[in-house]
Amino acid sequence: MSNMGLLCPRPRTSRRPCRLEHRSECTDHPRRRRPEGVGSIYKHLVVVGGGFAGTKTTRALEHTLPPNWRLTLISQDNFITFNPLLPEVVGASILPGHVIAPYRQMIQRGDVCMAQVTEIDTVNRMVHYIGEGAGTIHYDQLVLSCGTNANLDIVKGMGDHALPLKTLGDALFLRNRIISRLEQAQLQPDAQHQRWLMTFVVVGGGFSGVETAGELTDFLYASLRYYKRIRPQDIRLVLLHSGDRLVPELSPSLGAFTFRKMRARNVEVRLNTRAVRVTDRGVHLDAGEIIEGGTVICTIGTQPNGLLDNIPAEKNGGRLVVNPDLSVPGVAGMWAAGDCASVFNAFDGKNCPPTAQFADAQAEQLAANIIARLKGEPTRPFRHRPRGQLSSVGHNKAVAEVFGLKLSGFVAWLMWRGLYLLRFPTFARKSRLFLEWNWAMFFPPDISHLGYRRSQRRSAHPSSVPIATHSVSAGIPNRTCPPNPS
């Protein structure tokens, strides 16, 4: 992450902003002017981490906090990513900028600080960060919504040879890798090498894996019209899943529907199959079989955020165990929600799954409980009735289970898209996403390789000019064939 200067006002009566200095505090947003003469009693609520939980909490609190409270959201990025739409970026159904929304366009009265939090001092109530240099922010109330990180060590060699899909950068990198494979296969005269280039293995048969496989299949077959030397039978896409059915979060009947649709789209589905090793040539399975392929995509494996290691509180699988009202027991002034918290749902007596639906619901209850605590009123335990789950399976098809109603096919796909369109912030971004989706339904996908090459100084010796360049975004040389399999 590049260091950025943060502009924020210090306690004052004038309106002149100042640049954040080392060991300084990021204070209130300019639009929330502090009443004169009450600088010493002005209190601070800090939200660490954006995502669904952090953003929803901040937006709920900015209109309900008492006037003597300041509100700050700290995030490593200055935008929220709608992760369920990342497979569509991979499949070029939508542009990368259409799955993100800047916090500053969503949060009107709070302050936004783009910085990386390095430590939380619960004794002195200080948040340490790195932005434009190192700094600290004092808090009176703290909300943790820092999520989880990808765990690429879950399978041997996965960190070195597989491509994760957790962030926008991952999606763009993977999109470029797929296009690079198409370009290389087009130039490859050897049939065996071409087959290796056009073999894609997706590890994980949950929501993310199924949606990625569906989008990837649509993109590959739709792109063949531009790659005349690649035949449909040269494409091989394998979906590996350790369970006995796909999308286990849904009912068995919808899992069976997903399986049939994947097979109908020429996706090779391997159930009850585990990947035990990933190499530069392919994937080794638990049964001893080796699937050779030029691209391995990882949609499994998460690990706790390292920021939680020094929090003196009970943890469950690395996630903070919270009270029923989402406060952290034993740590004064601290709350947690989202994927970094282990939250008990009073509705069904189970721990909440790490999904966007539950993160949103937790954020609403957390914001209400914080306001109740500040007013000296009793807080309420988290209680949420799940509305259901939806998943796209590609080719304008989806599966959905909403309030017990099971749907599949085109109607479920329209519902899936409508849901995310409604959840997207600001009318402008909803419109862009809607238009992009409709455009993709009638026109071929964009096969542009979005490389990011910087201009270089011309060498004084012409003979030293390289004859081949490397694509930063694809991560591989621009060559026509892979390494010799022997």
Protein backbone atom coordinates (compact mmCIF):
# COMPACT_ATOMS: atom_id res chain seq x y z
CA MET A 1 0.00 0.00 0.00
CA SER A 2 1.35 3.37 -0.93
CA ASN A 3 1.66 5.96 1.79
CA MET A 4 -0.81 8.80 1.50
CA GLY A 5 -1.05 12.11 3.28
CA LEU A 6 -4.12 12.44 5.47
CA LEU A 7 -5.83 15.79 5.76
CA CYS A 8 -7.72 16.35 8.96
CA PRO A 9 -8.49 19.22 11.32
CA ARG A 10 -7.00 19.57 14.82
CA PRO A 11 -9.05 20.86 17.75
CA ARG A 12 -9.65 24.50 16.86
CA THR A 13 -12.21 27.13 16.13
CA SER A 14 -10.78 28.10 12.75
CA ARG A 15 -11.47 26.10 9.60
CA ARG A 16 -7.91 25.81 8.31
CA PRO A 17 -6.94 22.14 7.91
CA CYS A 18 -3.53 20.79 8.81
CA ARG A 19 -1.50 17.87 7.51
CA LEU A 20 -1.26 14.86 9.80
CA GLU A 21 2.12 14.78 11.50
CA HIS A 22 3.96 11.91 13.13
CA ARG A 23 2.41 10.81 16.44
CA SER A 24 -0.56 13.09 15.84
CA GLU A 25 -4.25 12.27 16.07
CA CYS A 26 -6.73 12.21 13.23
CA THR A 27 -9.67 14.16 14.57
CA ASP A 28 -13.15 14.97 13.42
CA HIS A 29 -14.38 15.55 9.89
CA PRO A 30 -14.54 19.22 8.81
CA ARG A 31 -18.29 18.96 8.31
CA ARG A 32 -18.76 18.03 11.97
CA ARG A 33 -17.65 21.30 13.58
CA ARG A 34 -16.82 21.06 17.25
CA PRO A 35 -18.73 23.38 19.58
CA GLU A 36 -16.44 26.06 20.91
CA GLY A 37 -15.13 25.66 24.41
CA VAL A 38 -15.73 21.93 24.73
CA GLY A 39 -12.45 20.59 23.28
CA SER A 40 -11.60 18.77 26.49
CA ILE A 41 -14.85 16.78 26.59
CA TYR A 42 -14.97 15.89 22.90
CA LYS A 43 -14.93 12.06 22.66
CA HIS A 44 -13.84 9.80 19.84
CA LEU A 45 -15.32 6.63 18.35
CA VAL A 46 -12.99 4.78 15.98
CA VAL A 47 -13.92 1.99 13.55
CA VAL A 48 -10.96 -0.15 12.45
CA GLY A 49 -11.55 -1.88 9.13
CA GLY A 50 -14.01 -1.17 6.35
CA GLY A 51 -15.83 -4.01 4.66
CA PHE A 52 -19.53 -4.59 5.10
CA ALA A 53 -19.56 -4.50 8.91
CA GLY A 54 -17.30 -1.47 9.35
CA THR A 55 -18.95 0.60 6.65
CA LYS A 56 -22.48 -0.18 7.80
CA THR A 57 -21.58 0.62 11.41
CA THR A 58 -20.02 3.95 10.46
CA ARG A 59 -22.95 4.98 8.28
CA ALA A 60 -25.41 4.10 11.04
CA LEU A 61 -23.50 5.95 13.74
CA GLU A 62 -22.72 9.16 11.85
CA HIS A 63 -26.35 10.26 12.15
CA THR A 64 -27.02 9.01 15.69
CA LEU A 65 -23.92 9.82 17.76
CA PRO A 66 -24.29 12.63 20.32
CA PRO A 67 -22.94 16.00 19.12
CA ASN A 68 -19.88 15.81 21.38
CA TRP A 69 -18.63 12.62 19.71
CA ARG A 70 -16.29 12.36 16.73
CA LEU A 71 -16.36 9.39 14.33
CA THR A 72 -13.42 8.00 12.33
CA LEU A 73 -13.15 5.03 9.99
CA ILE A 74 -9.62 3.66 9.44
CA SER A 75 -9.06 1.36 6.48
CA GLN A 76 -6.05 0.21 4.51
CA ASP A 77 -7.98 1.02 1.32
CA ASN A 78 -10.16 4.04 0.69
CA PHE A 79 -12.95 1.93 -0.81
CA ILE A 80 -15.19 -1.00 0.03
CA THR A 81 -15.06 -4.07 -2.22
CA PHE A 82 -18.19 -6.08 -2.96
CA ASN A 83 -16.43 -9.45 -2.83
CA PRO A 84 -19.36 -11.52 -4.17
CA LEU A 85 -18.92 -9.68 -7.49
CA LEU A 86 -15.20 -10.42 -7.84
CA PRO A 87 -15.81 -13.52 -10.03
CA GLU A 88 -17.54 -11.23 -12.52
CA VAL A 89 -14.38 -9.14 -12.72
CA VAL A 90 -12.45 -12.32 -13.47
CA GLY A 91 -14.95 -13.20 -16.20
CA ALA A 92 -14.88 -9.63 -17.61
CA SER A 93 -18.63 -9.29 -17.05
CA ILE A 94 -18.01 -5.97 -15.28
CA LEU A 95 -15.10 -3.57 -15.03
CA PRO A 96 -12.91 -3.65 -11.90
CA GLY A 97 -14.01 -0.17 -10.82
CA HIS A 98 -17.65 -1.26 -10.72
CA VAL A 99 -17.25 -3.59 -7.71
CA ILE A 100 -15.87 -0.93 -5.38
CA ALA A 101 -17.22 2.25 -3.79
CA PRO A 102 -15.11 4.98 -2.10
CA TYR A 103 -15.80 5.45 1.58
CA ARG A 104 -15.74 9.22 1.23
CA GLN A 105 -18.73 9.06 -1.11
CA MET A 106 -20.63 6.92 1.39
CA ILE A 107 -19.74 8.58 4.70
CA GLN A 108 -20.80 12.21 4.97
CA ARG A 109 -20.28 13.27 8.58
CA GLY A 110 -17.49 10.98 9.78
CA ASP A 111 -13.82 11.11 8.91
CA VAL A 112 -12.05 8.53 6.72
CA CYS A 113 -8.37 7.75 7.20
CA MET A 114 -6.54 5.60 4.67
CA ALA A 115 -3.87 3.98 6.83
CA GLN A 116 -2.65 0.60 8.00
CA VAL A 117 -3.30 -0.16 11.65
CA THR A 118 -0.29 -1.86 13.21
CA GLU A 119 -1.24 -2.14 16.88
CA ILE A 120 -4.06 -1.51 19.32
CA ASP A 121 -3.12 -0.42 22.84
CA THR A 122 -6.14 -1.39 24.92
CA VAL A 123 -4.62 -0.01 28.15
CA ASN A 124 -4.10 3.55 26.91
CA ARG A 125 -6.85 3.26 24.28
CA MET A 126 -4.59 4.15 21.37
CA VAL A 127 -4.62 2.91 17.77
CA HIS A 128 -1.18 2.87 16.15
CA TYR A 129 -1.07 3.19 12.38
CA ILE A 130 1.19 3.85 9.41
CA GLY A 131 -0.08 6.43 6.96
CA GLU A 132 2.14 9.40 6.17
CA GLY A 133 4.67 8.11 8.64
CA ALA A 134 3.65 6.57 11.95
CA GLY A 135 0.88 7.99 14.08
CA THR A 136 -1.63 7.29 16.82
CA ILE A 137 -5.33 7.89 17.33
CA HIS A 138 -6.92 7.99 20.76
CA TYR A 139 -10.32 6.38 21.15
CA ASP A 140 -13.04 6.26 23.78
CA GLN A 141 -15.01 3.56 21.96
CA LEU A 142 -13.48 1.18 19.39
CA VAL A 143 -15.19 -1.05 16.84
CA LEU A 144 -13.14 -3.85 15.28
CA SER A 145 -14.27 -5.03 11.85
CA CYS A 146 -10.92 -5.93 10.33
CA GLY A 147 -12.07 -9.19 8.72
CA THR A 148 -9.79 -12.13 7.90
CA ASN A 149 -6.86 -12.76 5.58
CA ALA A 150 -6.29 -15.41 2.93
CA ASN A 151 -4.50 -18.55 4.14
CA LEU A 152 -2.48 -19.89 1.23
CA ASP A 153 -0.62 -22.39 3.42
CA ILE A 154 -3.68 -24.62 3.77
CA VAL A 155 -2.32 -26.76 0.89
CA LYS A 156 1.38 -27.32 0.27
CA GLY A 157 2.66 -25.17 -2.58
CA MET A 158 -0.56 -23.17 -2.90
CA GLY A 159 1.07 -19.95 -1.79
CA ASP A 160 3.71 -20.22 -4.51
CA HIS A 161 1.72 -21.56 -7.45
CA ALA A 162 -2.01 -20.87 -6.92
CA LEU A 163 -3.88 -17.61 -7.42
CA PRO A 164 -6.21 -16.49 -4.59
CA LEU A 165 -9.44 -14.55 -5.08
CA LYS A 166 -9.96 -12.39 -2.02
CA THR A 167 -9.34 -8.82 -3.19
CA LEU A 168 -9.87 -6.63 -6.23
CA GLY A 169 -6.17 -6.93 -6.98
CA ASP A 170 -6.51 -10.72 -6.97
CA ALA A 171 -9.41 -10.55 -9.42
CA LEU A 172 -7.59 -8.22 -11.81
CA PHE A 173 -4.41 -10.30 -11.63
CA LEU A 174 -6.37 -13.48 -12.33
CA ARG A 175 -8.24 -11.86 -15.22
CA ASN A 176 -4.95 -10.88 -16.83
CA ARG A 177 -3.50 -14.33 -16.27
CA ILE A 178 -6.43 -15.95 -18.07
CA ILE A 179 -6.10 -13.58 -21.03
CA SER A 180 -2.36 -14.23 -21.11
CA ARG A 181 -3.05 -17.96 -21.28
CA LEU A 182 -5.38 -17.41 -24.23
CA GLU A 183 -2.77 -15.33 -26.03
CA GLN A 184 -0.04 -17.90 -25.37
CA ALA A 185 -2.24 -20.80 -26.45
CA GLN A 186 -3.04 -18.97 -29.69
CA LEU A 187 0.69 -18.87 -30.52
CA GLN A 188 1.56 -22.33 -29.23
CA PRO A 189 2.14 -24.87 -32.05
CA ASP A 190 2.46 -27.87 -29.73
CA ALA A 191 -0.92 -29.43 -28.91
CA GLN A 192 0.22 -30.79 -25.54
CA HIS A 193 1.55 -27.43 -24.40
CA GLN A 194 -1.59 -25.71 -25.66
CA ARG A 195 -3.71 -28.14 -23.65
CA TRP A 196 -1.67 -27.33 -20.53
CA LEU A 197 -2.16 -23.61 -21.08
CA MET A 198 -5.92 -24.00 -21.45
CA THR A 199 -6.43 -26.16 -18.34
CA PHE A 200 -7.79 -24.28 -15.31
CA VAL A 201 -8.27 -25.82 -11.86
CA VAL A 202 -10.54 -24.18 -9.27
CA VAL A 203 -10.01 -25.41 -5.70
CA GLY A 204 -13.15 -25.08 -3.57
CA GLY A 205 -16.80 -25.77 -4.35
CA GLY A 206 -18.45 -23.18 -2.14
CA PHE A 207 -20.08 -19.95 -3.29
CA SER A 208 -16.85 -18.35 -4.48
CA GLY A 209 -15.56 -21.44 -6.26
CA VAL A 210 -18.82 -22.15 -8.08
CA GLU A 211 -19.27 -18.53 -9.16
CA THR A 212 -15.66 -18.32 -10.34
CA ALA A 213 -15.95 -21.54 -12.33
CA GLY A 214 -19.19 -20.37 -13.93
CA GLU A 215 -17.85 -16.95 -14.90
CA LEU A 216 -14.58 -18.42 -16.15
CA THR A 217 -16.38 -20.93 -18.34
CA ASP A 218 -18.58 -18.27 -19.92
CA PHE A 219 -15.60 -16.01 -20.55
CA LEU A 220 -13.39 -18.69 -22.12
CA TYR A 221 -15.98 -20.01 -24.57
CA ALA A 222 -17.20 -16.53 -25.49
CA SER A 223 -13.62 -15.45 -26.23
CA LEU A 224 -12.84 -18.29 -28.64
CA ARG A 225 -14.27 -16.29 -31.55
CA TYR A 226 -11.15 -14.13 -31.33
CA TYR A 227 -8.69 -17.02 -30.95
CA LYS A 228 -9.10 -19.09 -34.09
CA ARG A 229 -6.40 -21.65 -33.26
CA ILE A 230 -8.02 -22.68 -29.97
CA ARG A 231 -10.82 -25.21 -30.23
CA PRO A 232 -13.60 -25.66 -27.62
CA GLN A 233 -12.31 -29.16 -26.87
CA ASP A 234 -8.92 -27.68 -25.97
CA ILE A 235 -10.44 -25.99 -22.90
CA ARG A 236 -10.50 -27.96 -19.67
CA LEU A 237 -11.91 -26.55 -16.43
CA VAL A 238 -11.78 -28.66 -13.26
CA LEU A 239 -13.66 -27.82 -10.05
CA LEU A 240 -12.34 -29.61 -6.94
CA HIS A 241 -14.44 -29.90 -3.80
CA SER A 242 -13.74 -31.93 -0.67
CA GLY A 243 -17.44 -32.35 0.21
CA ASP A 244 -20.09 -34.60 -1.28
CA ARG A 245 -22.04 -31.73 -2.90
CA LEU A 246 -21.43 -28.23 -4.20
CA VAL A 247 -22.45 -25.08 -2.29
CA PRO A 248 -23.09 -26.98 0.98
CA GLU A 249 -24.59 -23.80 2.47
CA LEU A 250 -27.67 -24.44 0.32
CA SER A 251 -30.10 -27.36 0.31
CA PRO A 252 -29.09 -30.69 -1.29
CA SER A 253 -31.54 -30.16 -4.16
CA LEU A 254 -29.95 -26.81 -5.09
CA GLY A 255 -26.52 -28.35 -4.73
CA ALA A 256 -27.58 -31.05 -7.19
CA PHE A 257 -28.93 -28.38 -9.58
CA THR A 258 -25.61 -26.56 -9.40
CA PHE A 259 -23.77 -29.81 -10.13
CA ARG A 260 -25.89 -30.47 -13.22
CA LYS A 261 -25.42 -26.95 -14.56
CA MET A 262 -21.68 -27.12 -14.05
CA ARG A 263 -21.48 -30.42 -15.91
CA ALA A 264 -23.69 -29.09 -18.70
CA ARG A 265 -21.20 -26.23 -19.16
CA ASN A 266 -18.35 -28.75 -19.57
CA VAL A 267 -16.96 -28.14 -16.09
CA GLU A 268 -15.29 -31.26 -14.74
CA VAL A 269 -16.59 -31.47 -11.15
CA ARG A 270 -14.64 -33.63 -8.69
CA LEU A 271 -16.51 -34.19 -5.42
CA ASN A 272 -14.96 -35.79 -2.32
CA THR A 273 -11.58 -34.80 -3.69
CA ARG A 274 -8.82 -32.96 -1.88
CA ALA A 275 -5.83 -31.13 -3.26
CA VAL A 276 -2.75 -32.09 -1.26
CA ARG A 277 -0.09 -30.25 -3.24
CA VAL A 278 0.16 -27.54 -5.89
CA THR A 279 3.17 -27.24 -8.19
CA ASP A 280 4.10 -25.17 -11.22
CA ARG A 281 2.73 -27.99 -13.37
CA GLY A 282 -0.63 -28.64 -11.70
CA VAL A 283 -2.43 -30.10 -8.68
CA HIS A 284 -1.74 -33.36 -6.82
CA LEU A 285 -4.88 -35.03 -5.44
CA ASP A 286 -5.30 -37.15 -2.33
CA ALA A 287 -5.93 -40.24 -4.44
CA GLY A 288 -2.53 -39.87 -6.12
CA GLU A 289 -3.78 -38.40 -9.40
CA ILE A 290 -2.09 -35.33 -10.89
CA ILE A 291 -4.10 -32.77 -12.84
CA GLU A 292 -1.73 -30.80 -15.05
CA GLY A 293 -2.84 -27.26 -15.68
CA GLY A 294 -1.35 -23.85 -16.30
CA THR A 295 -3.63 -21.96 -13.87
CA VAL A 296 -4.73 -22.99 -10.36
CA ILE A 297 -7.28 -20.78 -8.59
CA CYS A 298 -7.70 -20.95 -4.81
CA THR A 299 -11.06 -20.01 -3.27
CA ILE A 300 -10.53 -21.72 0.11
CA GLY A 301 -8.60 -20.91 3.23
CA THR A 302 -8.80 -17.96 5.62
CA GLN A 303 -6.82 -17.03 8.69
CA PRO A 304 -7.41 -14.56 11.51
CA ASN A 305 -6.22 -11.00 11.14
CA GLY A 306 -2.88 -10.60 12.92
CA LEU A 307 -4.14 -7.38 14.47
CA LEU A 308 -6.15 -9.48 16.93
CA ASP A 309 -3.15 -11.35 18.34
CA ASN A 310 -2.43 -8.80 21.05
CA ILE A 311 -6.04 -8.17 22.06
CA PRO A 312 -6.42 -9.55 25.63
CA ALA A 313 -9.69 -11.35 24.97
CA GLU A 314 -10.97 -14.87 24.38
CA LYS A 315 -10.79 -16.15 20.82
CA ASN A 316 -12.49 -18.92 18.91
CA GLY A 317 -10.45 -20.06 15.94
CA GLY A 318 -8.65 -16.71 15.98
CA ARG A 319 -11.91 -14.73 15.99
CA LEU A 320 -12.81 -12.51 18.95
CA VAL A 321 -15.50 -14.02 21.16
CA VAL A 322 -18.00 -11.25 21.91
CA ASN A 323 -20.86 -10.81 24.33
CA PRO A 324 -24.42 -11.19 23.03
CA ASP A 325 -24.53 -7.40 22.51
CA LEU A 326 -21.30 -7.55 20.41
CA SER A 327 -19.08 -5.94 23.05
CA VAL A 328 -15.73 -7.61 23.76
CA PRO A 329 -15.70 -9.07 27.30
CA GLY A 330 -12.89 -7.89 29.53
CA VAL A 331 -11.84 -5.01 27.26
CA ALA A 332 -13.52 -1.72 28.13
CA GLY A 333 -14.89 0.31 25.24
CA MET A 334 -14.28 -2.35 22.57
CA TRP A 335 -16.81 -3.90 20.18
CA ALA A 336 -16.41 -6.32 17.26
CA ALA A 337 -18.47 -7.46 14.29
CA GLY A 338 -18.02 -9.15 10.93
CA ASP A 339 -15.60 -11.91 10.04
CA CYS A 340 -13.16 -11.06 12.85
CA ALA A 341 -15.80 -11.76 15.54
CA SER A 342 -17.35 -14.98 16.79
CA VAL A 343 -20.96 -13.87 17.24
CA PHE A 344 -23.75 -15.92 18.82
CA ASN A 345 -27.10 -15.59 17.05
CA ALA A 346 -29.96 -15.61 19.55
CA PHE A 347 -32.39 -16.51 16.75
CA ASP A 348 -31.15 -20.09 16.23
CA GLY A 349 -28.55 -20.53 18.96
CA LYS A 350 -25.66 -20.89 16.50
CA ASN A 351 -22.55 -18.91 15.72
CA CYS A 352 -22.96 -16.63 12.73
CA PRO A 353 -21.33 -17.61 9.43
CA PRO A 354 -18.83 -15.13 7.95
CA THR A 355 -21.13 -13.75 5.27
CA ALA A 356 -22.02 -10.24 4.14
CA GLN A 357 -25.64 -10.72 5.18
CA PHE A 358 -24.70 -11.36 8.82
CA ALA A 359 -22.04 -8.63 8.80
CA ASP A 360 -24.69 -6.07 7.80
CA ALA A 361 -27.12 -7.31 10.45
CA GLN A 362 -24.44 -7.27 13.14
CA ALA A 363 -23.45 -3.73 12.20
CA GLU A 364 -27.01 -2.46 12.61
CA GLN A 365 -27.35 -4.04 16.07
CA LEU A 366 -23.87 -2.94 17.12
CA ALA A 367 -24.57 0.69 16.22
CA ALA A 368 -27.85 0.59 18.16
CA ASN A 369 -26.11 -0.97 21.18
CA ILE A 370 -23.36 1.66 21.19
CA ILE A 371 -25.95 4.46 21.25
CA ALA A 372 -27.84 2.66 24.02
CA ARG A 373 -24.63 2.28 26.06
CA LEU A 374 -23.81 5.99 25.69
CA LYS A 375 -27.31 6.86 26.87
CA GLY A 376 -27.06 4.50 29.83
CA GLU A 377 -29.80 2.27 28.45
CA PRO A 378 -29.70 -1.55 28.28
CA THR A 379 -28.26 -3.14 25.17
CA ARG A 380 -29.87 -5.95 23.17
CA PRO A 381 -28.40 -9.30 22.12
CA PHE A 382 -27.81 -9.95 18.44
CA ARG A 383 -30.72 -11.75 16.85
CA HIS A 384 -31.10 -12.21 13.11
CA ARG A 385 -33.27 -14.44 11.01
CA PRO A 386 -31.31 -15.46 7.89
CA ARG A 387 -33.03 -14.31 4.73
CA GLY A 388 -31.41 -16.97 2.59
CA GLN A 389 -28.50 -17.48 0.23
CA LEU A 390 -27.95 -16.93 -3.50
CA SER A 391 -25.20 -18.01 -5.85
CA SER A 392 -24.59 -17.49 -9.55
CA VAL A 393 -23.58 -20.56 -11.55
CA GLY A 394 -22.85 -18.81 -14.86
CA HIS A 395 -24.64 -18.47 -18.20
CA ASN A 396 -27.48 -16.35 -16.69
CA LYS A 397 -28.31 -19.04 -14.14
CA ALA A 398 -28.28 -19.01 -10.36
CA VAL A 399 -29.52 -20.90 -7.32
CA ALA A 400 -31.34 -19.26 -4.42
CA GLU A 401 -32.94 -20.22 -1.14
CA VAL A 402 -34.87 -17.26 0.30
CA PHE A 403 -37.05 -17.65 3.42
CA GLY A 404 -37.38 -21.35 2.67
CA LEU A 405 -38.30 -20.83 -0.99
CA LYS A 406 -35.96 -22.65 -3.37
CA LEU A 407 -35.35 -21.13 -6.79
CA SER A 408 -33.00 -21.96 -9.64
CA GLY A 409 -32.34 -20.85 -13.18
CA PHE A 410 -32.94 -17.46 -14.79
CA VAL A 411 -35.40 -16.18 -12.16
CA ALA A 412 -32.91 -16.88 -9.39
CA TRP A 413 -30.23 -15.13 -11.44
CA LEU A 414 -32.38 -12.00 -11.77
CA MET A 415 -32.99 -12.08 -8.02
CA TRP A 416 -29.25 -12.48 -7.37
CA ARG A 417 -28.40 -9.47 -9.49
CA GLY A 418 -31.25 -7.39 -8.13
CA LEU A 419 -30.12 -8.03 -4.56
CA TYR A 420 -26.59 -6.78 -5.12
CA LEU A 421 -27.81 -3.86 -7.19
CA LEU A 422 -29.98 -2.72 -4.28
CA ARG A 423 -27.12 -3.09 -1.80
CA PHE A 424 -24.70 -1.04 -3.87
CA PRO A 425 -24.25 2.51 -2.50
CA THR A 426 -25.10 5.73 -4.34
CA PHE A 427 -27.40 6.08 -7.33
CA ALA A 428 -24.51 6.83 -9.68
CA ARG A 429 -22.77 3.54 -8.94
CA LYS A 430 -26.00 1.58 -9.11
CA SER A 431 -26.57 3.03 -12.57
CA ARG A 432 -23.07 2.18 -13.76
CA LEU A 433 -23.38 -1.40 -12.55
CA PHE A 434 -26.84 -1.81 -14.08
CA LEU A 435 -25.68 -0.52 -17.46
CA GLU A 436 -22.57 -2.66 -17.41
CA TRP A 437 -24.57 -5.80 -16.64
CA ASN A 438 -26.97 -5.11 -19.49
CA TRP A 439 -24.12 -4.35 -21.88
CA ALA A 440 -22.46 -7.69 -21.06
CA MET A 441 -25.66 -9.60 -21.87
CA PHE A 442 -25.65 -8.50 -25.53
CA PHE A 443 -21.99 -7.92 -26.39
CA PRO A 444 -18.87 -10.10 -26.25
CA PRO A 445 -16.52 -9.86 -23.24
CA ASP A 446 -13.61 -7.46 -23.07
CA ILE A 447 -10.39 -9.39 -23.72
CA SER A 448 -8.01 -6.48 -23.14
CA HIS A 449 -4.94 -7.36 -21.10
CA LEU A 450 -4.74 -4.56 -18.54
CA GLY A 451 -0.99 -4.38 -18.04
CA TYR A 452 0.60 -1.61 -16.00
CA ARG A 453 3.95 -0.91 -17.59
CA ARG A 454 5.68 2.29 -16.59
CA SER A 455 7.66 4.36 -19.05
CA GLN A 456 11.38 3.62 -18.85
CA ARG A 457 14.38 5.76 -19.66
CA ARG A 458 15.78 4.99 -23.07
CA SER A 459 19.13 3.25 -22.87
CA ALA A 460 22.18 4.95 -24.31
CA HIS A 461 23.22 1.62 -25.81
CA PRO A 462 20.65 0.31 -28.32
CA SER A 463 21.99 -3.21 -27.92
CA SER A 464 20.93 -3.24 -24.29
CA VAL A 465 17.26 -2.65 -25.08
CA PRO A 466 15.38 -5.81 -23.99
CA ILE A 467 13.61 -7.76 -26.67
CA ALA A 468 10.95 -9.03 -24.28
CA THR A 469 9.15 -7.38 -21.42
CA HIS A 470 7.36 -8.72 -18.42
CA SER A 471 3.76 -8.01 -17.62
CA VAL A 472 3.47 -6.83 -14.06
CA SER A 473 -0.21 -7.66 -13.89
CA ALA A 474 0.05 -11.13 -15.41
CA GLY A 475 3.09 -12.11 -13.40
CA ILE A 476 4.60 -14.15 -16.26
CA PRO A 477 6.88 -13.38 -19.22
CA ASN A 478 5.35 -12.66 -22.61
CA ARG A 479 6.50 -15.89 -24.14
CA THR A 480 4.67 -18.25 -26.44
CA CYS A 481 4.97 -21.53 -24.56
CA PRO A 482 5.22 -22.86 -21.00
CA PRO A 483 8.19 -24.75 -19.59
CA ASN A 484 8.82 -28.16 -21.05
CA PRO A 485 6.76 -30.68 -19.05
CA SER A 486 9.59 -33.13 -19.10
